[in-house]
Protein backbone atom coordinates (compact mmCIF):
# COMPACT_ATOMS: atom_id res chain seq x y z
CA UNK A 1 -4.28 -13.13 -0.53
CA UNK A 2 -4.33 -11.37 2.92
CA UNK A 3 -7.31 -11.87 4.67
CA UNK A 4 -9.03 -10.91 7.87
CA UNK A 5 -8.37 -14.29 9.53
CA UNK A 6 -4.88 -14.21 8.21
CA UNK A 7 -4.26 -11.04 9.81
CA UNK A 8 -5.95 -12.01 13.06
CA UNK A 9 -3.93 -15.06 13.34
CA UNK A 10 -0.48 -13.72 11.94
CA UNK A 11 2.70 -14.20 13.55
CA UNK A 12 4.47 -11.10 12.13
CA UNK A 13 7.84 -12.43 12.79
CA UNK A 14 7.09 -15.43 10.32
CA UNK A 15 3.80 -14.80 8.30
CA UNK A 16 5.32 -12.53 5.73
CA UNK A 17 8.46 -14.27 5.69
CA UNK A 18 12.06 -13.59 7.14
CA UNK A 19 12.01 -9.89 8.54
CA UNK A 20 15.49 -8.78 9.80
CA UNK A 21 14.74 -8.55 13.44
CA UNK A 22 16.30 -4.96 13.73
CA UNK A 23 13.44 -3.72 11.56
CA UNK A 24 10.76 -5.64 12.74
CA UNK A 25 8.19 -3.82 15.09
CA UNK A 26 6.60 -5.21 18.15
CA UNK A 27 2.99 -5.40 19.30
CA UNK A 28 3.72 -2.72 21.54
CA UNK A 29 5.37 -0.50 19.06
CA UNK A 30 2.76 -0.85 16.54
CA UNK A 31 0.09 0.02 19.47
CA UNK A 32 1.96 3.05 20.40
CA UNK A 33 2.15 4.33 16.73
CA UNK A 34 -1.85 3.53 16.30
CA UNK A 35 -2.64 5.43 19.78
CA UNK A 36 -0.52 8.58 18.70
CA UNK A 37 -2.29 8.71 15.24
CA UNK A 38 -5.36 8.61 17.11
CA UNK A 39 -4.65 11.21 19.34
CA UNK A 40 -3.91 13.49 16.32
CA UNK A 41 -7.50 12.60 15.17
CA UNK A 42 -8.40 15.96 13.46
CA UNK A 43 -11.97 15.87 14.35
CA UNK A 44 -14.86 13.64 15.75
CA UNK A 45 -16.01 12.90 12.36
CA UNK A 46 -15.89 9.00 10.86
CA UNK A 47 -12.27 7.76 10.30
CA UNK A 48 -11.61 7.10 6.51
CA UNK A 49 -8.77 5.01 5.26
CA UNK A 50 -7.61 5.84 1.60
CA UNK A 51 -6.45 2.94 -0.37
CA UNK A 52 -4.06 3.48 -3.38
CA UNK A 53 -2.58 -0.08 -3.58
CA UNK A 54 -3.66 -3.42 -2.37
CA UNK A 55 -6.20 -2.12 -0.32
CA UNK A 56 -8.21 -1.11 -3.32
CA UNK A 57 -8.73 -4.68 -4.53
CA UNK A 58 -8.46 -6.29 -1.21
CA UNK A 59 -9.12 -4.14 1.82
CA UNK A 60 -9.62 -6.81 4.34
CA UNK A 61 -11.64 -4.09 6.42
CA UNK A 62 -15.09 -3.95 7.45
CA UNK A 63 -16.36 -0.58 6.49
CA UNK A 64 -19.55 1.39 6.37
CA UNK A 65 -19.14 3.42 3.17
CA UNK A 66 -16.73 3.43 0.25
CA UNK A 67 -15.84 6.03 -2.60
CA UNK A 68 -13.27 6.62 -5.26
CA UNK A 69 -11.51 9.80 -4.71
CA UNK A 70 -8.24 11.95 -5.12
CA UNK A 71 -5.32 12.72 -2.89
CA UNK A 72 -3.84 15.94 -3.74
CA UNK A 73 -0.06 16.46 -3.04
CA UNK A 74 1.36 12.88 -3.16
CA UNK A 75 2.05 10.34 -6.02
CA UNK A 76 2.63 6.54 -6.25
CA UNK A 77 6.07 5.31 -6.26
CA UNK A 78 7.94 1.89 -5.73
CA UNK A 79 10.19 3.36 -3.42
CA UNK A 80 10.22 0.81 -0.34
CA UNK A 81 12.49 -2.11 -0.54
CA UNK A 82 10.64 -5.23 -0.30
CA UNK A 83 12.07 -7.92 1.64
CA UNK A 84 9.18 -9.81 3.02
CA UNK A 85 5.62 -10.70 1.59
CA UNK A 86 6.39 -10.67 -2.26
CA UNK A 87 10.20 -10.27 -1.73
CA UNK A 88 13.34 -11.82 0.03
CA UNK A 89 16.31 -10.23 1.54
CA UNK A 90 18.38 -12.17 -1.25
CA UNK A 91 15.89 -11.16 -3.80
CA UNK A 92 14.47 -7.87 -2.81
CA UNK A 93 11.61 -6.39 -4.88
CA UNK A 94 9.97 -2.78 -4.40
CA UNK A 95 6.76 -2.25 -2.83
CA UNK A 96 4.31 0.87 -3.53
CA UNK A 97 4.26 4.05 -1.06
CA UNK A 98 3.36 7.60 -1.50
CA UNK A 99 6.05 10.42 -2.22
CA UNK A 100 5.49 14.07 -2.27
CA UNK A 101 4.06 15.93 -5.39
CA UNK A 102 1.41 15.38 -8.08
CA UNK A 103 -1.89 13.42 -7.05
CA UNK A 104 -3.06 9.80 -6.33
CA UNK A 105 -6.41 8.35 -7.19
CA UNK A 106 -7.81 5.32 -5.07
CA UNK A 107 -10.63 4.33 -2.69
CA UNK A 108 -11.43 5.50 0.53
CA UNK A 109 -13.33 3.14 3.14
CA UNK A 110 -15.23 4.76 6.05
CA UNK A 111 -14.88 2.61 9.08
CA UNK A 112 -17.51 1.67 11.69
CA UNK A 113 -17.02 3.90 14.81
CA UNK A 114 -17.99 1.25 17.13
CA UNK A 115 -14.93 -1.00 16.00
CA UNK A 116 -12.75 1.51 14.62
CA UNK A 117 -9.84 0.50 17.05
CA UNK A 118 -9.98 -3.04 16.01
CA UNK A 119 -10.11 -2.44 12.28
CA UNK A 120 -7.03 -0.07 12.53
CA UNK A 121 -5.19 -2.64 14.69
CA UNK A 122 -5.66 -5.04 11.74
CA UNK A 123 -4.55 -2.41 9.51
CA UNK A 124 -1.61 -1.59 11.48
CA UNK A 125 -0.59 -5.40 11.15
CA UNK A 126 -0.84 -5.23 7.72
CA UNK A 127 0.91 -1.87 6.97
CA UNK A 128 3.01 -1.12 9.99
CA UNK A 129 5.15 -4.42 10.32
CA UNK A 130 8.39 -2.49 9.90
CA UNK A 131 7.13 1.11 10.66
CA UNK A 132 8.19 1.99 7.18
CA UNK A 133 5.11 4.61 6.61
CA UNK A 134 3.92 7.61 8.30
CA UNK A 135 0.24 7.25 9.04
CA UNK A 136 -1.07 10.71 8.20
CA UNK A 137 -4.34 12.61 8.14
CA UNK A 138 -4.92 14.31 5.10
CA UNK A 139 -7.84 16.16 3.14
CA UNK A 140 -9.34 13.62 0.63
CA UNK A 141 -11.55 14.78 -2.24
CA UNK A 142 -14.19 12.11 -2.67
CA UNK A 143 -15.75 11.66 -6.39
CA UNK A 144 -19.18 12.35 -4.97
CA UNK A 145 -18.30 15.75 -4.16
CA UNK A 146 -17.46 15.56 -0.35
CA UNK A 147 -14.15 16.27 1.20
CA UNK A 148 -13.13 13.95 4.13
CA UNK A 149 -10.24 13.50 6.81
CA UNK A 150 -8.57 10.44 5.81
CA UNK A 151 -5.75 8.34 6.94
CA UNK A 152 -3.11 7.82 4.36
CA UNK A 153 0.07 5.63 4.77
CA UNK A 154 2.91 7.83 3.14
CA UNK A 155 6.67 6.55 2.71
CA UNK A 156 8.98 7.53 5.77
CA UNK A 157 12.15 8.76 3.82
CA UNK A 158 14.21 8.07 7.15
CA UNK A 159 13.25 4.47 7.19
CA UNK A 160 16.14 2.28 6.15
CA UNK A 161 14.06 0.45 3.45
CA UNK A 162 13.42 3.74 1.82
CA UNK A 163 14.95 3.68 -2.03
CA UNK A 164 14.95 6.99 -3.40
CA UNK A 165 15.82 5.89 -7.15
CA UNK A 166 12.50 5.06 -8.55
CA UNK A 167 13.43 5.08 -12.09
CA UNK A 168 11.98 2.32 -14.25
CA UNK A 169 15.59 0.88 -15.36
CA UNK A 170 16.21 0.40 -11.75
CA UNK A 171 13.07 -1.03 -10.44
CA UNK A 172 11.67 -3.19 -13.21
CA UNK A 173 14.12 -5.97 -12.91
CA UNK A 174 13.90 -5.98 -9.36
CA UNK A 175 9.78 -6.39 -9.39
CA UNK A 176 10.27 -8.85 -12.22
CA UNK A 177 12.52 -11.11 -10.10
CA UNK A 178 11.09 -11.00 -6.75
CA UNK A 179 8.71 -13.39 -4.95
CA UNK A 180 7.78 -14.60 -1.34
CA UNK A 181 5.03 -16.03 0.63
CA UNK A 182 2.33 -13.58 -0.60
CA UNK A 183 3.12 -14.30 -4.36
CA UNK A 184 5.12 -12.31 -6.98
CA UNK A 185 6.08 -8.72 -7.07
CA UNK A 186 5.04 -8.64 -10.58
CA UNK A 187 1.49 -9.76 -10.03
CA UNK A 188 1.04 -7.03 -7.40
CA UNK A 189 1.94 -4.55 -10.13
CA UNK A 190 -0.35 -6.29 -12.70
CA UNK A 191 -3.22 -6.33 -9.98
CA UNK A 192 -2.68 -2.68 -9.28
CA UNK A 193 -2.88 -1.70 -12.87
CA UNK A 194 -6.10 -4.27 -13.49
CA UNK A 195 -8.04 -2.32 -10.69
CA UNK A 196 -7.19 0.84 -11.90
CA UNK A 197 -8.12 0.44 -15.29
CA UNK A 198 -11.38 -1.10 -13.86
CA UNK A 199 -12.03 1.89 -11.69
CA UNK A 200 -11.54 4.09 -14.94
CA UNK A 201 -8.62 5.68 -13.30
CA UNK A 202 -5.48 4.45 -15.24
CA UNK A 203 -2.00 5.83 -13.71
CA UNK A 204 -0.04 7.19 -16.66
CA UNK A 205 3.20 7.16 -14.39
CA UNK A 206 2.81 3.31 -14.10
CA UNK A 207 2.64 2.45 -17.91
CA UNK A 208 6.12 2.52 -18.72
CA UNK A 209 6.86 0.36 -15.60
CA UNK A 210 4.31 -2.30 -16.51
CA UNK A 211 5.52 -2.56 -19.92
CA UNK A 212 9.14 -3.01 -19.14
CA UNK A 213 8.31 -5.75 -16.33
CA UNK A 214 6.12 -7.40 -18.81
CA UNK A 215 9.12 -7.37 -21.35
CA UNK A 216 11.48 -8.78 -18.75
CA UNK A 217 8.93 -11.68 -18.07
CA UNK A 218 8.46 -12.50 -21.75
CA UNK A 219 4.57 -11.26 -21.53
CA UNK A 220 3.86 -9.63 -24.73
CA UNK A 221 0.28 -7.94 -25.58
CA UNK A 222 -1.89 -9.99 -27.98
CA UNK A 223 -1.93 -8.61 -31.68
CA UNK A 224 -4.41 -5.62 -31.74
CA UNK A 225 -4.31 -5.15 -27.78
CA UNK A 226 -2.21 -2.56 -26.35
């Protein structure tokens, strides 16, 4: 599991597995991306981060507040070709991102203003290793009635690792087979489902994919269980 200590010490050229040199962002590129994102900060209110994948069960961030919420206009999709972390170049998997349309539930985290840049630097080291996402300020509806501006990592469709075909028949075999230094691609999918179920916000769009991957791995539900 990714921890704060891991992120602080990680050498991005090796910590997540072998990453093609042409794809790997330098620390300077990550810093420039972060600075540009902060320059577009919509107001002087708190910085919130929206977690819709592993940030939900493993934020590895220091935060002062958190709340479940819904992002309108975007939906989960395994549209990022995964060649490090939980996949390899020889056996690529698929990682989660957001594509336009629909809505997504997740958890929002409010960062402490005093250390916001330090927290975001760690987050960029985790999410922007190859610059595959577009960090975007979005209006987010929290379940307690608040509406906040949150940073959301949306898939960049211009990125070379973007994959348009997210049909279950295509991505399930990839997810079932892929693994890397951070574990298996399938375990990521199962952890995502487990967290969503725990939060009472199941994503119906994942059901067929999970069933397909479990079948490929020979994991069958116990009698009487769905």
